[in-house]
């Protein structure tokens, strides 16, 4: 009986340590993601301000020299695809990086994403951007909370959702050239559904990954895992925001 009590107490203590560690891990994931979002928002707003000016003769907003270089020259293709290239590079180099280097790379990536998204301030009104952001934040919080707390195994959704993302990327690239409003509407609807599902799926996956690896004691790996988790949720948030903006955004 004494041995049972000792074993039971040890098990309980271990469970408490894992629970505290999971809480700290998720706080790091959400904290890193939030800093990334702030960097993206600040970079996007600042660059859009530098890219436009008011013509004193007409009172209309026009592009500056920087704006013309960013949005009308071939450089726009580099800016458009830079975040995608950086994601692949980050995934390839993560194992060779330290946790500190991975975090720095993530923040640089967030700034690059801000540059890529700066055009939205010239297309949509500031009020509608803020409203869409708030709706996205509330939706994201609810979906992520569901993924964290649900007992339902969401792992089966992973392959289906990733196939959906690939389909969205292909359809979006095609629509760059054909500019179909009907296809854009379909892409936006499907995009909202896919990234809503990915928010819940990724949150549960981040939690489960920590629980599987918590006993290893490899703090460096766990630190990099938190950065990767922040990147996954960051991408879910940004894509959910952009697809919702197609419905909620009021154009200038």
Protein backbone atom coordinates (compact mmCIF):
# COMPACT_ATOMS: atom_id res chain seq x y z
CA UNK A 1 0.00 0.00 0.00
CA UNK A 2 2.83 2.37 0.84
CA UNK A 3 4.44 1.56 -2.50
CA UNK A 4 1.16 2.30 -4.29
CA UNK A 5 0.87 5.65 -2.54
CA UNK A 6 4.43 6.53 -3.49
CA UNK A 7 3.90 5.53 -7.13
CA UNK A 8 0.57 7.35 -7.29
CA UNK A 9 2.11 10.49 -5.82
CA UNK A 10 4.97 10.34 -8.30
CA UNK A 11 2.56 9.95 -11.22
CA UNK A 12 0.47 12.89 -10.00
CA UNK A 13 3.55 15.07 -9.63
CA UNK A 14 4.64 14.16 -13.15
CA UNK A 15 1.20 15.00 -14.53
CA UNK A 16 1.29 18.38 -12.78
CA UNK A 17 4.72 19.14 -14.27
CA UNK A 18 3.50 18.24 -17.76
CA UNK A 19 0.36 20.35 -17.30
CA UNK A 20 2.43 23.34 -16.19
CA UNK A 21 4.88 22.76 -19.02
CA UNK A 22 2.06 22.55 -21.57
CA UNK A 23 0.60 25.81 -20.29
CA UNK A 24 3.99 27.51 -20.59
CA UNK A 25 4.53 26.00 -24.05
CA UNK A 26 1.17 27.20 -25.38
CA UNK A 27 1.75 30.65 -23.85
CA UNK A 28 5.02 30.83 -25.77
CA UNK A 29 3.28 29.73 -28.97
CA UNK A 30 0.53 32.34 -28.66
CA UNK A 31 2.93 35.02 -27.42
CA UNK A 32 5.34 34.52 -30.33
CA UNK A 33 2.46 34.47 -32.78
CA UNK A 34 1.04 37.71 -31.32
CA UNK A 35 4.38 39.50 -31.63
CA UNK A 36 4.59 38.31 -35.24
CA UNK A 37 1.12 39.69 -35.93
CA UNK A 38 2.08 43.07 -34.45
CA UNK A 39 5.21 43.18 -36.62
CA UNK A 40 3.16 42.33 -39.71
CA UNK A 41 0.54 44.98 -38.96
CA UNK A 42 3.15 47.67 -38.22
CA UNK A 43 5.23 46.84 -41.32
CA UNK A 44 2.17 46.73 -43.56
CA UNK A 45 0.80 50.05 -42.31
CA UNK A 46 4.17 51.82 -42.43
CA UNK A 47 5.00 50.62 -45.95
CA UNK A 48 1.57 51.55 -47.29
CA UNK A 49 2.09 55.04 -45.86
CA UNK A 50 5.42 55.39 -47.62
CA UNK A 51 4.03 53.98 -50.87
CA UNK A 52 1.23 56.53 -51.26
CA UNK A 53 0.83 60.29 -51.08
CA UNK A 54 -1.87 62.85 -51.76
CA UNK A 55 -1.61 64.77 -55.02
CA UNK A 56 -1.98 68.45 -54.00
CA UNK A 57 -3.43 69.35 -57.39
CA UNK A 58 -6.28 66.81 -57.39
CA UNK A 59 -6.51 65.68 -53.77
CA UNK A 60 -6.35 62.06 -54.93
CA UNK A 61 -4.14 59.39 -53.41
CA UNK A 62 -1.34 58.40 -55.77
CA UNK A 63 1.62 56.07 -55.62
CA UNK A 64 5.03 57.43 -54.69
CA UNK A 65 8.17 56.24 -56.42
CA UNK A 66 8.45 53.52 -53.79
CA UNK A 67 4.85 52.52 -54.37
CA UNK A 68 5.35 52.26 -58.12
CA UNK A 69 8.41 50.08 -57.56
CA UNK A 70 6.59 47.81 -55.09
CA UNK A 71 3.24 47.45 -56.83
CA UNK A 72 3.65 48.14 -60.56
CA UNK A 73 7.15 46.90 -61.41
CA UNK A 74 8.29 43.26 -61.75
CA UNK A 75 9.41 43.57 -58.12
CA UNK A 76 5.78 42.96 -57.12
CA UNK A 77 6.17 39.27 -58.04
CA UNK A 78 9.18 38.95 -55.74
CA UNK A 79 7.23 40.57 -52.91
CA UNK A 80 4.21 38.36 -53.55
CA UNK A 81 6.11 35.07 -53.41
CA UNK A 82 8.79 36.01 -50.85
CA UNK A 83 6.77 34.81 -47.80
CA UNK A 84 6.08 31.46 -49.48
CA UNK A 85 9.77 30.95 -50.26
CA UNK A 86 10.70 31.90 -46.70
CA UNK A 87 8.27 29.34 -45.25
CA UNK A 88 9.87 26.54 -47.25
CA UNK A 89 13.34 27.77 -46.30
CA UNK A 90 12.38 27.90 -42.62
CA UNK A 91 11.04 24.34 -42.68
CA UNK A 92 14.21 23.11 -44.39
CA UNK A 93 16.61 24.89 -42.02
CA UNK A 94 14.77 24.51 -38.71
CA UNK A 95 16.70 21.44 -37.52
CA UNK A 96 20.00 23.26 -38.06
CA UNK A 97 18.88 26.46 -36.30
CA UNK A 98 18.98 27.31 -32.64
CA UNK A 99 15.69 28.26 -30.99
CA UNK A 100 16.83 31.90 -30.83
CA UNK A 101 17.71 31.93 -34.55
CA UNK A 102 14.37 30.33 -35.41
CA UNK A 103 12.52 33.01 -33.46
CA UNK A 104 14.47 35.78 -35.20
CA UNK A 105 13.74 34.21 -38.59
CA UNK A 106 10.04 34.11 -37.72
CA UNK A 107 10.02 37.83 -36.90
CA UNK A 108 11.83 38.64 -40.17
CA UNK A 109 9.25 36.52 -41.96
CA UNK A 110 6.45 38.46 -40.25
CA UNK A 111 7.95 41.71 -41.55
CA UNK A 112 8.17 40.25 -45.06
CA UNK A 113 4.52 39.25 -44.80
CA UNK A 114 3.69 42.83 -43.80
CA UNK A 115 5.38 44.06 -46.96
CA UNK A 116 3.45 41.52 -49.02
CA UNK A 117 0.10 42.57 -47.49
CA UNK A 118 0.66 46.33 -47.48
CA UNK A 119 -1.52 46.74 -50.58
CA UNK A 120 -4.70 46.10 -48.60
CA UNK A 121 -4.53 49.62 -47.09
CA UNK A 122 -4.81 51.06 -50.61
CA UNK A 123 -7.72 48.83 -51.63
CA UNK A 124 -9.89 48.57 -48.50
CA UNK A 125 -10.99 51.21 -46.01
CA UNK A 126 -9.19 51.30 -42.68
CA UNK A 127 -12.45 50.77 -40.76
CA UNK A 128 -13.31 47.60 -42.66
CA UNK A 129 -9.78 46.26 -42.16
CA UNK A 130 -10.05 46.79 -38.40
CA UNK A 131 -13.54 45.25 -38.29
CA UNK A 132 -12.37 42.19 -40.25
CA UNK A 133 -9.35 41.84 -37.98
CA UNK A 134 -11.55 41.84 -34.87
CA UNK A 135 -13.92 39.26 -36.37
CA UNK A 136 -10.92 37.14 -37.34
CA UNK A 137 -9.43 37.42 -33.85
CA UNK A 138 -12.68 36.35 -32.17
CA UNK A 139 -13.20 33.47 -34.61
CA UNK A 140 -9.59 32.36 -34.29
CA UNK A 141 -9.76 32.39 -30.49
CA UNK A 142 -12.89 30.24 -30.48
CA UNK A 143 -11.54 27.77 -33.02
CA UNK A 144 -8.18 27.47 -31.29
CA UNK A 145 -9.87 26.99 -27.92
CA UNK A 146 -11.96 24.22 -29.44
CA UNK A 147 -8.87 22.53 -30.83
CA UNK A 148 -7.16 22.74 -27.45
CA UNK A 149 -10.05 21.46 -25.33
CA UNK A 150 -11.89 18.97 -27.54
CA UNK A 151 -11.53 15.26 -26.84
CA UNK A 152 -12.29 14.50 -30.48
CA UNK A 153 -9.28 13.39 -32.52
CA UNK A 154 -8.85 15.88 -35.37
CA UNK A 155 -5.81 14.19 -36.89
CA UNK A 156 -7.91 12.69 -39.67
CA UNK A 157 -8.61 16.18 -40.98
CA UNK A 158 -4.94 16.97 -41.57
CA UNK A 159 -4.46 15.35 -44.98
CA UNK A 160 -7.82 16.57 -46.26
CA UNK A 161 -7.14 20.16 -45.17
CA UNK A 162 -3.61 20.23 -46.62
CA UNK A 163 -4.95 18.96 -49.95
CA UNK A 164 -7.44 21.81 -49.77
CA UNK A 165 -4.63 24.32 -49.19
CA UNK A 166 -2.76 23.03 -52.24
CA UNK A 167 -5.93 23.36 -54.28
CA UNK A 168 -6.41 26.93 -53.05
CA UNK A 169 -2.86 27.89 -53.99
CA UNK A 170 -3.25 26.47 -57.50
CA UNK A 171 -6.65 28.12 -57.98
CA UNK A 172 -5.33 31.46 -56.70
CA UNK A 173 -2.37 31.35 -59.08
CA UNK A 174 -4.68 30.58 -62.00
CA UNK A 175 -7.01 33.41 -61.01
CA UNK A 176 -4.15 35.90 -61.06
CA UNK A 177 -4.19 35.54 -64.85
CA UNK A 178 -7.90 34.97 -65.60
CA UNK A 179 -9.25 37.37 -62.93
CA UNK A 180 -12.59 35.59 -62.52
CA UNK A 181 -14.81 37.14 -59.84
CA UNK A 182 -16.83 33.90 -59.54
CA UNK A 183 -13.67 31.87 -58.99
CA UNK A 184 -12.42 34.42 -56.46
CA UNK A 185 -15.67 34.16 -54.53
CA UNK A 186 -15.42 30.35 -54.47
CA UNK A 187 -11.79 30.53 -53.38
CA UNK A 188 -12.70 32.90 -50.53
CA UNK A 189 -15.54 30.70 -49.24
CA UNK A 190 -13.48 27.53 -49.36
CA UNK A 191 -10.48 29.36 -47.89
CA UNK A 192 -12.45 30.47 -44.83
CA UNK A 193 -13.66 26.92 -44.21
CA UNK A 194 -10.23 25.34 -44.70
CA UNK A 195 -8.33 27.73 -42.44
CA UNK A 196 -11.03 27.60 -39.80
CA UNK A 197 -10.50 23.83 -39.74
CA UNK A 198 -6.72 24.22 -39.77
CA UNK A 199 -6.83 26.54 -36.76
CA UNK A 200 -8.49 23.86 -34.63
CA UNK A 201 -6.37 21.06 -36.14
CA UNK A 202 -3.04 22.86 -35.70
CA UNK A 203 -3.83 23.83 -32.11
CA UNK A 204 -4.57 20.22 -31.19
CA UNK A 205 -1.48 19.04 -33.06
CA UNK A 206 0.75 21.53 -31.21
CA UNK A 207 -0.67 20.34 -27.91
CA UNK A 208 -0.28 16.65 -28.77
CA UNK A 209 3.27 17.13 -30.04
CA UNK A 210 4.25 18.70 -26.74
CA UNK A 211 2.63 15.90 -24.72
CA UNK A 212 4.50 13.31 -26.77
CA UNK A 213 7.88 15.01 -26.38
CA UNK A 214 7.61 16.56 -22.90
CA UNK A 215 9.34 13.59 -21.26
CA UNK A 216 12.41 13.98 -23.49
CA UNK A 217 13.57 17.05 -21.59
CA UNK A 218 15.05 18.51 -24.80
CA UNK A 219 14.36 22.18 -24.14
CA UNK A 220 16.05 23.31 -27.35
CA UNK A 221 13.75 21.10 -29.42
CA UNK A 222 10.70 22.19 -27.46
CA UNK A 223 11.68 25.82 -28.00
CA UNK A 224 11.90 25.33 -31.76
CA UNK A 225 8.63 23.39 -31.67
CA UNK A 226 6.95 26.41 -30.07
CA UNK A 227 8.27 28.67 -32.85
CA UNK A 228 6.98 26.28 -35.52
CA UNK A 229 3.63 26.13 -33.75
CA UNK A 230 3.50 29.94 -33.68
CA UNK A 231 4.21 30.01 -37.42
CA UNK A 232 1.44 27.51 -38.14
CA UNK A 233 -1.16 29.44 -36.16
CA UNK A 234 0.12 32.75 -37.57
CA UNK A 235 -0.45 31.47 -41.10
CA UNK A 236 -3.91 30.22 -40.15
CA UNK A 237 -4.79 33.65 -38.75
CA UNK A 238 -3.42 35.63 -41.70
CA UNK A 239 -5.13 33.47 -44.30
CA UNK A 240 -8.43 33.47 -42.41
CA UNK A 241 -8.19 37.28 -42.19
CA UNK A 242 -7.45 37.68 -45.90
CA UNK A 243 -10.29 35.44 -47.01
CA UNK A 244 -12.75 37.14 -44.66
CA UNK A 245 -11.59 40.53 -45.95
CA UNK A 246 -12.90 39.56 -49.39
CA UNK A 247 -16.41 39.48 -47.87
CA UNK A 248 -16.22 42.16 -45.19
CA UNK A 249 -13.83 44.65 -46.71
CA UNK A 250 -15.22 47.91 -48.12
CA UNK A 251 -13.17 49.03 -51.09
CA UNK A 252 -11.77 52.55 -51.33
